[in-house]
Amino acid sequence: MSTELETGLPSVRQIQTLTRDEQEVELKLITNDLITGKIRWQDNQCICVVDHYDQPTIVWRTAIVYLKPKSI
């Protein structure tokens, strides 16, 4: 198993762009929870989302149903 983030994958590049642009996103989880915030970082296993209270939430990729940019 590779420990390096595969930056050639379209999904990884899209998340990198959302992170760089500080775009607010919505993450729908398999628990039916909805997390809204800005992506601070990603690795092979997790994505860290910071909400409007500056509280970080680390989400395992396997728990994500979808991730999309939040509409204005």
PDB file of N, CA and C in Angstrom:
ATOM      1  N   MET A   1       0.840  -1.188   0.000  1.00  0.00           N
ATOM      2  CA  MET A   1       0.000   0.000   0.000  1.00  0.00           C
ATOM      3  C   MET A   1       0.881   1.246   0.000  1.00  0.00           C
ATOM      4  N   SER A   2       0.624   2.158  -0.907  1.00  0.00           N
ATOM      5  CA  SER A   2       1.399   3.379  -1.011  1.00  0.00           C
ATOM      6  C   SER A   2       0.998   4.357   0.090  1.00  0.00           C
ATOM      7  N   THR A   3       1.985   4.995   0.684  1.00  0.00           N
ATOM      8  CA  THR A   3       1.709   5.989   1.712  1.00  0.00           C
ATOM      9  C   THR A   3       1.714   7.399   1.139  1.00  0.00           C
ATOM     10  N   GLU A   4       2.076   7.511  -0.120  1.00  0.00           N
ATOM     11  CA  GLU A   4       2.131   8.809  -0.766  1.00  0.00           C
ATOM     12  C   GLU A   4       0.784   9.135  -1.404  1.00  0.00           C
ATOM     13  N   LEU A   5       0.342  10.382  -1.256  1.00  0.00           N
ATOM     14  CA  LEU A   5      -0.914  10.826  -1.840  1.00  0.00           C
ATOM     15  C   LEU A   5      -0.783  10.820  -3.360  1.00  0.00           C
ATOM     16  N   GLU A   6      -1.726  10.192  -4.040  1.00  0.00           N
ATOM     17  CA  GLU A   6      -1.673  10.069  -5.500  1.00  0.00           C
ATOM     18  C   GLU A   6      -2.246  11.327  -6.140  1.00  0.00           C
ATOM     19  N   THR A   7      -1.382  12.313  -6.325  1.00  0.00           N
ATOM     20  CA  THR A   7      -1.818  13.617  -6.821  1.00  0.00           C
ATOM     21  C   THR A   7      -2.251  13.599  -8.286  1.00  0.00           C
ATOM     22  N   GLY A   8      -2.042  12.497  -8.975  1.00  0.00           N
ATOM     23  CA  GLY A   8      -2.484  12.384 -10.361  1.00  0.00           C
ATOM     24  C   GLY A   8      -3.961  12.041 -10.485  1.00  0.00           C
ATOM     25  N   LEU A   9      -4.576  11.601  -9.405  1.00  0.00           N
ATOM     26  CA  LEU A   9      -5.996  11.234  -9.443  1.00  0.00           C
ATOM     27  C   LEU A   9      -6.872  12.481  -9.495  1.00  0.00           C
ATOM     28  N   PRO A  10      -7.902  12.473 -10.347  1.00  0.00           N
ATOM     29  CA  PRO A  10      -8.780  13.643 -10.453  1.00  0.00           C
ATOM     30  C   PRO A  10      -9.424  14.046  -9.119  1.00  0.00           C
ATOM     31  N   SER A  11      -9.812  13.073  -8.308  1.00  0.00           N
ATOM     32  CA  SER A  11     -10.452  13.402  -7.032  1.00  0.00           C
ATOM     33  C   SER A  11      -9.482  14.110  -6.090  1.00  0.00           C
ATOM     34  N   VAL A  12      -8.246  13.666  -6.057  1.00  0.00           N
ATOM     35  CA  VAL A  12      -7.235  14.292  -5.198  1.00  0.00           C
ATOM     36  C   VAL A  12      -6.943  15.704  -5.696  1.00  0.00           C
ATOM     37  N   ARG A  13      -6.817  15.874  -7.002  1.00  0.00           N
ATOM     38  CA  ARG A  13      -6.562  17.205  -7.567  1.00  0.00           C
ATOM     39  C   ARG A  13      -7.720  18.156  -7.278  1.00  0.00           C
ATOM     40  N   GLN A  14      -8.958  17.653  -7.387  1.00  0.00           N
ATOM     41  CA  GLN A  14     -10.132  18.503  -7.109  1.00  0.00           C
ATOM     42  C   GLN A  14     -10.140  18.953  -5.658  1.00  0.00           C
ATOM     43  N   ILE A  15      -9.830  18.046  -4.735  1.00  0.00           N
ATOM     44  CA  ILE A  15      -9.784  18.405  -3.315  1.00  0.00           C
ATOM     45  C   ILE A  15      -8.648  19.389  -3.059  1.00  0.00           C
ATOM     46  N   GLN A  16      -7.508  19.215  -3.735  1.00  0.00           N
ATOM     47  CA  GLN A  16      -6.402  20.164  -3.601  1.00  0.00           C
ATOM     48  C   GLN A  16      -6.832  21.565  -4.068  1.00  0.00           C
ATOM     49  N   THR A  17      -7.577  21.623  -5.157  1.00  0.00           N
ATOM     50  CA  THR A  17      -8.059  22.912  -5.669  1.00  0.00           C
ATOM     51  C   THR A  17      -9.028  23.550  -4.680  1.00  0.00           C
ATOM     52  N   LEU A  18      -9.959  22.765  -4.138  1.00  0.00           N
ATOM     53  CA  LEU A  18     -10.908  23.290  -3.153  1.00  0.00           C
ATOM     54  C   LEU A  18     -10.179  23.788  -1.904  1.00  0.00           C
ATOM     55  N   THR A  19      -9.133  23.089  -1.511  1.00  0.00           N
ATOM     56  CA  THR A  19      -8.334  23.488  -0.343  1.00  0.00           C
ATOM     57  C   THR A  19      -7.604  24.792  -0.625  1.00  0.00           C
ATOM     58  N   ARG A  20      -6.922  24.850  -1.749  1.00  0.00           N
ATOM     59  CA  ARG A  20      -6.154  26.039  -2.129  1.00  0.00           C
ATOM     60  C   ARG A  20      -7.055  27.274  -2.251  1.00  0.00           C
ATOM     61  N   ASP A  21      -8.248  27.097  -2.846  1.00  0.00           N
ATOM     62  CA  ASP A  21      -9.169  28.215  -3.062  1.00  0.00           C
ATOM     63  C   ASP A  21      -9.992  28.542  -1.822  1.00  0.00           C
ATOM     64  N   GLU A  22      -9.808  27.768  -0.746  1.00  0.00           N
ATOM     65  CA  GLU A  22     -10.561  27.934   0.498  1.00  0.00           C
ATOM     66  C   GLU A  22     -12.069  27.952   0.236  1.00  0.00           C
ATOM     67  N   GLN A  23     -12.476  27.079  -0.668  1.00  0.00           N
ATOM     68  CA  GLN A  23     -13.883  26.934  -1.029  1.00  0.00           C
ATOM     69  C   GLN A  23     -14.615  26.152   0.062  1.00  0.00           C
ATOM     70  N   GLU A  24     -15.769  26.644   0.486  1.00  0.00           N
ATOM     71  CA  GLU A  24     -16.560  25.910   1.472  1.00  0.00           C
ATOM     72  C   GLU A  24     -17.177  24.685   0.789  1.00  0.00           C
ATOM     73  N   VAL A  25     -17.185  23.570   1.508  1.00  0.00           N
ATOM     74  CA  VAL A  25     -17.697  22.319   0.954  1.00  0.00           C
ATOM     75  C   VAL A  25     -18.717  21.694   1.901  1.00  0.00           C
ATOM     76  N   GLU A  26     -19.472  20.761   1.349  1.00  0.00           N
ATOM     77  CA  GLU A  26     -20.377  19.922   2.125  1.00  0.00           C
ATOM     78  C   GLU A  26     -19.906  18.483   1.982  1.00  0.00           C
ATOM     79  N   LEU A  27     -19.798  17.791   3.098  1.00  0.00           N
ATOM     80  CA  LEU A  27     -19.487  16.370   3.097  1.00  0.00           C
ATOM     81  C   LEU A  27     -20.683  15.635   3.670  1.00  0.00           C
ATOM     82  N   LYS A  28     -21.235  14.714   2.899  1.00  0.00           N
ATOM     83  CA  LYS A  28     -22.308  13.851   3.378  1.00  0.00           C
ATOM     84  C   LYS A  28     -21.653  12.550   3.823  1.00  0.00           C
ATOM     85  N   LEU A  29     -21.969  12.120   5.050  1.00  0.00           N
ATOM     86  CA  LEU A  29     -21.351  10.922   5.601  1.00  0.00           C
ATOM     87  C   LEU A  29     -22.304   9.740   5.565  1.00  0.00           C
ATOM     88  N   ILE A  30     -21.765   8.542   5.683  1.00  0.00           N
ATOM     89  CA  ILE A  30     -22.593   7.334   5.668  1.00  0.00           C
ATOM     90  C   ILE A  30     -23.540   7.284   6.862  1.00  0.00           C
ATOM     91  N   THR A  31     -23.255   8.099   7.892  1.00  0.00           N
ATOM     92  CA  THR A  31     -24.140   8.198   9.061  1.00  0.00           C
ATOM     93  C   THR A  31     -25.303   9.148   8.800  1.00  0.00           C
ATOM     94  N   ASN A  32     -25.341   9.736   7.607  1.00  0.00           N
ATOM     95  CA  ASN A  32     -26.334  10.715   7.177  1.00  0.00           C
ATOM     96  C   ASN A  32     -26.061  12.108   7.742  1.00  0.00           C
ATOM     97  N   ASP A  33     -24.924  12.291   8.426  1.00  0.00           N
ATOM     98  CA  ASP A  33     -24.535  13.617   8.898  1.00  0.00           C
ATOM     99  C   ASP A  33     -24.041  14.441   7.716  1.00  0.00           C
ATOM    100  N   LEU A  34     -24.186  15.757   7.835  1.00  0.00           N
ATOM    101  CA  LEU A  34     -23.687  16.682   6.823  1.00  0.00           C
ATOM    102  C   LEU A  34     -22.691  17.604   7.505  1.00  0.00           C
ATOM    103  N   ILE A  35     -21.466  17.643   7.002  1.00  0.00           N
ATOM    104  CA  ILE A  35     -20.425  18.515   7.548  1.00  0.00           C
ATOM    105  C   ILE A  35     -20.163  19.608   6.529  1.00  0.00           C
ATOM    106  N   THR A  36     -20.153  20.845   7.014  1.00  0.00           N
ATOM    107  CA  THR A  36     -19.901  21.996   6.153  1.00  0.00           C
ATOM    108  C   THR A  36     -18.691  22.747   6.684  1.00  0.00           C
ATOM    109  N   GLY A  37     -17.816  23.136   5.788  1.00  0.00           N
ATOM    110  CA  GLY A  37     -16.639  23.912   6.183  1.00  0.00           C
ATOM    111  C   GLY A  37     -15.627  23.961   5.063  1.00  0.00           C
ATOM    112  N   LYS A  38     -14.420  24.348   5.416  1.00  0.00           N
ATOM    113  CA  LYS A  38     -13.325  24.441   4.451  1.00  0.00           C
ATOM    114  C   LYS A  38     -12.325  23.332   4.729  1.00  0.00           C
ATOM    115  N   ILE A  39     -11.814  22.746   3.663  1.00  0.00           N
ATOM    116  CA  ILE A  39     -10.833  21.672   3.809  1.00  0.00           C
ATOM    117  C   ILE A  39      -9.501  22.284   4.209  1.00  0.00           C
ATOM    118  N   ARG A  40      -8.932  21.781   5.289  1.00  0.00           N
ATOM    119  CA  ARG A  40      -7.625  22.267   5.728  1.00  0.00           C
ATOM    120  C   ARG A  40      -6.518  21.399   5.147  1.00  0.00           C
ATOM    121  N   TRP A  41      -6.703  20.084   5.134  1.00  0.00           N
ATOM    122  CA  TRP A  41      -5.699  19.174   4.585  1.00  0.00           C
ATOM    123  C   TRP A  41      -6.349  17.844   4.240  1.00  0.00           C
ATOM    124  N   GLN A  42      -5.602  17.033   3.486  1.00  0.00           N
ATOM    125  CA  GLN A  42      -6.026  15.675   3.161  1.00  0.00           C
ATOM    126  C   GLN A  42      -4.802  14.771   3.174  1.00  0.00           C
ATOM    127  N   ASP A  43      -5.044  13.500   3.468  1.00  0.00           N
ATOM    128  CA  ASP A  43      -4.010  12.487   3.311  1.00  0.00           C
ATOM    129  C   ASP A  43      -4.689  11.257   2.720  1.00  0.00           C
ATOM    130  N   ASN A  44      -3.992  10.146   2.685  1.00  0.00           N
ATOM    131  CA  ASN A  44      -4.561   8.938   2.075  1.00  0.00           C
ATOM    132  C   ASN A  44      -5.794   8.417   2.806  1.00  0.00           C
ATOM    133  N   GLN A  45      -5.883   8.672   4.096  1.00  0.00           N
ATOM    134  CA  GLN A  45      -6.964   8.108   4.900  1.00  0.00           C
ATOM    135  C   GLN A  45      -8.054   9.108   5.266  1.00  0.00           C
ATOM    136  N   CYS A  46      -7.702  10.378   5.434  1.00  0.00           N
ATOM    137  CA  CYS A  46      -8.618  11.349   6.033  1.00  0.00           C
ATOM    138  C   CYS A  46      -8.625  12.686   5.302  1.00  0.00           C
ATOM    139  N   ILE A  47      -9.681  13.445   5.603  1.00  0.00           N
ATOM    140  CA  ILE A  47      -9.799  14.840   5.181  1.00  0.00           C
ATOM    141  C   ILE A  47     -10.163  15.634   6.424  1.00  0.00           C
ATOM    142  N   CYS A  48      -9.495  16.764   6.629  1.00  0.00           N
ATOM    143  CA  CYS A  48      -9.797  17.627   7.766  1.00  0.00           C
ATOM    144  C   CYS A  48     -10.609  18.818   7.268  1.00  0.00           C
ATOM    145  N   VAL A  49     -11.797  19.011   7.868  1.00  0.00           N
ATOM    146  CA  VAL A  49     -12.682  20.118   7.516  1.00  0.00           C
ATOM    147  C   VAL A  49     -12.809  21.020   8.740  1.00  0.00           C
ATOM    148  N   VAL A  50     -12.639  22.328   8.523  1.00  0.00           N
ATOM    149  CA  VAL A  50     -12.754  23.309   9.602  1.00  0.00           C
ATOM    150  C   VAL A  50     -14.054  24.071   9.414  1.00  0.00           C
ATOM    151  N   ASP A  51     -14.896  24.083  10.464  1.00  0.00           N
ATOM    152  CA  ASP A  51     -16.187  24.759  10.363  1.00  0.00           C
ATOM    153  C   ASP A  51     -16.058  26.264  10.621  1.00  0.00           C
ATOM    154  N   HIS A  52     -17.175  26.973  10.598  1.00  0.00           N
ATOM    155  CA  HIS A  52     -17.142  28.429  10.758  1.00  0.00           C
ATOM    156  C   HIS A  52     -16.790  28.865  12.176  1.00  0.00           C
ATOM    157  N   TYR A  53     -16.716  27.935  13.118  1.00  0.00           N
ATOM    158  CA  TYR A  53     -16.227  28.225  14.472  1.00  0.00           C
ATOM    159  C   TYR A  53     -14.732  27.920  14.603  1.00  0.00           C
ATOM    160  N   ASP A  54     -14.094  27.600  13.474  1.00  0.00           N
ATOM    161  CA  ASP A  54     -12.678  27.224  13.410  1.00  0.00           C
ATOM    162  C   ASP A  54     -12.395  25.914  14.143  1.00  0.00           C
ATOM    163  N   GLN A  55     -13.405  25.041  14.217  1.00  0.00           N
ATOM    164  CA  GLN A  55     -13.268  23.733  14.842  1.00  0.00           C
ATOM    165  C   GLN A  55     -12.959  22.695  13.764  1.00  0.00           C
ATOM    166  N   PRO A  56     -11.839  21.991  13.880  1.00  0.00           N
ATOM    167  CA  PRO A  56     -11.508  20.975  12.881  1.00  0.00           C
ATOM    168  C   PRO A  56     -12.241  19.660  13.137  1.00  0.00           C
ATOM    169  N   THR A  57     -12.647  19.021  12.066  1.00  0.00           N
ATOM    170  CA  THR A  57     -13.225  17.677  12.112  1.00  0.00           C
ATOM    171  C   THR A  57     -12.445  16.819  11.134  1.00  0.00           C
ATOM    172  N   ILE A  58     -11.907  15.718  11.628  1.00  0.00           N
ATOM    173  CA  ILE A  58     -11.184  14.789  10.763  1.00  0.00           C
ATOM    174  C   ILE A  58     -12.151  13.682  10.366  1.00  0.00           C
ATOM    175  N   VAL A  59     -12.304  13.501   9.063  1.00  0.00           N
ATOM    176  CA  VAL A  59     -13.249  12.532   8.519  1.00  0.00           C
ATOM    177  C   VAL A  59     -12.473  11.476   7.740  1.00  0.00           C
ATOM    178  N   TRP A  60     -12.721  10.212   8.034  1.00  0.00           N
ATOM    179  CA  TRP A  60     -12.102   9.138   7.274  1.00  0.00           C
ATOM    180  C   TRP A  60     -12.765   9.095   5.904  1.00  0.00           C
ATOM    181  N   ARG A  61     -11.954   8.952   4.879  1.00  0.00           N
ATOM    182  CA  ARG A  61     -12.483   8.921   3.499  1.00  0.00           C
ATOM    183  C   ARG A  61     -13.547   7.844   3.310  1.00  0.00           C
ATOM    184  N   THR A  62     -13.397   6.733   4.006  1.00  0.00           N
ATOM    185  CA  THR A  62     -14.362   5.634   3.860  1.00  0.00           C
ATOM    186  C   THR A  62     -15.738   5.990   4.415  1.00  0.00           C
ATOM    187  N   ALA A  63     -15.836   7.061   5.200  1.00  0.00           N
ATOM    188  CA  ALA A  63     -17.114   7.486   5.778  1.00  0.00           C
ATOM    189  C   ALA A  63     -17.856   8.477   4.888  1.00  0.00           C
ATOM    190  N   ILE A  64     -17.219   8.914   3.802  1.00  0.00           N
ATOM    191  CA  ILE A  64     -17.805   9.961   2.950  1.00  0.00           C
ATOM    192  C   ILE A  64     -18.663   9.356   1.857  1.00  0.00           C
ATOM    193  N   VAL A  65     -19.900   9.846   1.769  1.00  0.00           N
ATOM    194  CA  VAL A  65     -20.788   9.456   0.671  1.00  0.00           C
ATOM    195  C   VAL A  65     -20.515  10.367  -0.522  1.00  0.00           C
ATOM    196  N   TYR A  66     -20.464  11.675  -0.256  1.00  0.00           N
ATOM    197  CA  TYR A  66     -20.080  12.623  -1.303  1.00  0.00           C
ATOM    198  C   TYR A  66     -19.469  13.871  -0.685  1.00  0.00           C
ATOM    199  N   LEU A  67     -18.724  14.600  -1.511  1.00  0.00           N
ATOM    200  CA  LEU A  67     -18.138  15.883  -1.156  1.00  0.00           C
ATOM    201  C   LEU A  67     -18.424  16.810  -2.310  1.00  0.00           C
ATOM    202  N   LYS A  68     -18.971  17.982  -2.019  1.00  0.00           N
ATOM    203  CA  LYS A  68     -19.245  18.932  -3.104  1.00  0.00           C
ATOM    204  C   LYS A  68     -19.045  20.359  -2.623  1.00  0.00           C
ATOM    205  N   PRO A  69     -18.696  21.259  -3.546  1.00  0.00           N
ATOM    206  CA  PRO A  69     -18.588  22.666  -3.182  1.00  0.00           C
ATOM    207  C   PRO A  69     -19.957  23.177  -2.739  1.00  0.00           C
ATOM    208  N   LYS A  70     -19.957  23.996  -1.698  1.00  0.00           N
ATOM    209  CA  LYS A  70     -21.211  24.530  -1.179  1.00  0.00           C
ATOM    210  C   LYS A  70     -21.670  25.672  -2.063  1.00  0.00           C
ATOM    211  N   SER A  71     -22.951  25.697  -2.346  1.00  0.00           N
ATOM    212  CA  SER A  71     -23.528  26.777  -3.149  1.00  0.00           C
ATOM    213  C   SER A  71     -23.549  28.065  -2.351  1.00  0.00           C
ATOM    214  N   ILE A  72     -23.376  29.143  -3.052  1.00  0.00           N
ATOM    215  CA  ILE A  72     -23.394  30.461  -2.388  1.00  0.00           C
ATOM    216  C   ILE A  72     -24.820  30.923  -2.202  1.00  0.00           C
TER     217      ILE A  72
END
